[in-house]
Amino acid sequence: MNDIKNPKTKKPMIYYYVIALLVFMLLNTFLFPSLFRRTEREVDYSTFMNQLNEGQIQQVEVQDQKIEYILKDQEDWNIYVTGNMGDPNLVDKLEEAD
């Protein structure tokens, strides 16, 4: 009949889940993007066109101000970026290069 509460009471598991969730969110926000991020390398438009003509480019994304692309058989995990020069024949050149 001892009504004195045990001073070593366990905290509910929800506290541990919340702490683990916060740690995981912090890791996802700060640590993981820097570890697994591809680096961007800026190249000039003529380099892009030379690589396109030689068939070295695997994937291209054309945006308003820039063109991003990945080379075939690359091991350095780089994304190459060049300015979009507004070439009206760019789509035809990309389709021709497949």
Protein backbone atom coordinates (compact mmCIF):
# COMPACT_ATOMS: atom_id res chain seq x y z
CA MET A 1 0.00 0.00 0.00
CA ASN A 2 2.77 2.28 -0.85
CA ASP A 3 1.38 5.31 -2.73
CA ILE A 4 4.79 6.82 -3.34
CA LYS A 5 5.53 6.89 -7.05
CA ASN A 6 8.68 5.31 -8.32
CA PRO A 7 11.19 8.07 -9.22
CA LYS A 8 12.53 5.95 -12.07
CA THR A 9 9.31 5.91 -14.07
CA LYS A 10 9.75 5.24 -17.74
CA LYS A 11 8.86 7.92 -20.23
CA PRO A 12 6.26 6.94 -22.79
CA MET A 13 7.66 5.60 -26.06
CA ILE A 14 6.13 8.50 -27.99
CA TYR A 15 8.90 10.79 -26.74
CA TYR A 16 11.54 8.51 -28.24
CA TYR A 17 9.66 8.34 -31.54
CA VAL A 18 9.42 12.13 -31.71
CA ILE A 19 13.12 12.55 -30.96
CA ALA A 20 14.07 9.94 -33.58
CA LEU A 21 11.79 11.64 -36.12
CA LEU A 22 13.39 15.03 -35.44
CA VAL A 23 16.91 13.60 -35.81
CA PHE A 24 15.93 11.89 -39.06
CA MET A 25 14.41 15.12 -40.42
CA LEU A 26 17.56 17.07 -39.55
CA LEU A 27 19.75 14.48 -41.28
CA ASN A 28 17.54 14.58 -44.39
CA THR A 29 17.65 18.36 -44.47
CA PHE A 30 21.33 19.01 -43.91
CA LEU A 31 23.54 15.94 -44.21
CA PHE A 32 22.14 13.65 -46.90
CA PRO A 33 21.70 16.24 -49.67
CA SER A 34 25.33 17.27 -49.43
CA LEU A 35 26.52 13.66 -49.48
CA PHE A 36 24.49 12.44 -52.44
CA ARG A 37 24.20 15.60 -54.49
CA ARG A 38 25.57 15.69 -57.96
CA THR A 39 27.87 18.58 -58.60
CA GLU A 40 27.12 21.03 -61.36
CA ARG A 41 29.88 21.96 -63.77
CA GLU A 42 29.42 25.00 -65.93
CA VAL A 43 30.58 24.67 -69.54
CA ASP A 44 30.24 26.94 -72.53
CA TYR A 45 27.69 26.39 -75.28
CA SER A 46 30.28 25.33 -77.86
CA THR A 47 31.47 22.51 -75.55
CA PHE A 48 27.86 21.37 -75.24
CA MET A 49 27.42 21.40 -79.03
CA ASN A 50 30.69 19.50 -79.58
CA GLN A 51 29.67 16.82 -77.07
CA LEU A 52 26.23 16.63 -78.68
CA ASN A 53 27.70 16.19 -82.16
CA GLU A 54 30.10 13.51 -80.90
CA GLY A 55 27.22 11.57 -79.26
CA GLN A 56 28.58 11.87 -75.74
CA ILE A 57 25.37 13.16 -74.15
CA GLN A 58 22.93 10.78 -72.49
CA GLN A 59 20.19 13.10 -71.21
CA VAL A 60 19.34 16.78 -71.73
CA GLU A 61 16.96 19.10 -69.92
CA VAL A 62 16.31 22.43 -71.62
CA GLN A 63 15.05 25.19 -69.34
CA ASP A 64 14.37 28.88 -69.94
CA GLN A 65 17.79 30.18 -68.97
CA LYS A 66 19.99 27.09 -68.96
CA ILE A 67 20.55 23.63 -70.38
CA GLU A 68 21.46 20.77 -68.05
CA TYR A 69 22.85 17.50 -69.36
CA ILE A 70 24.52 14.28 -68.30
CA LEU A 71 27.25 12.54 -70.27
CA LYS A 72 27.17 8.88 -71.26
CA ASP A 73 29.52 6.53 -69.41
CA GLN A 74 30.39 9.09 -66.79
CA GLU A 75 31.67 8.03 -63.42
CA ASP A 76 32.02 11.44 -61.79
CA TRP A 77 28.29 12.09 -61.14
CA ASN A 78 28.40 15.56 -62.66
CA ILE A 79 25.58 17.54 -64.17
CA TYR A 80 26.84 19.89 -66.85
CA VAL A 81 25.19 23.27 -67.22
CA THR A 82 25.36 25.76 -70.05
CA GLY A 83 23.38 28.83 -70.99
CA ASN A 84 20.38 28.54 -73.27
CA MET A 85 21.29 30.54 -76.36
CA GLY A 86 17.82 30.42 -77.85
CA ASP A 87 18.95 28.29 -80.80
CA PRO A 88 15.82 27.70 -82.92
CA ASN A 89 17.33 24.47 -84.31
CA LEU A 90 18.27 23.00 -80.91
CA VAL A 91 15.31 20.62 -80.78
CA ASP A 92 16.14 19.31 -84.25
CA LYS A 93 19.77 18.82 -83.26
CA LEU A 94 18.76 16.98 -80.09
CA GLU A 95 16.39 14.69 -81.99
CA GLU A 96 19.06 14.04 -84.61
CA ALA A 97 21.56 13.10 -81.89
CA ASP A 98 18.91 10.91 -80.22
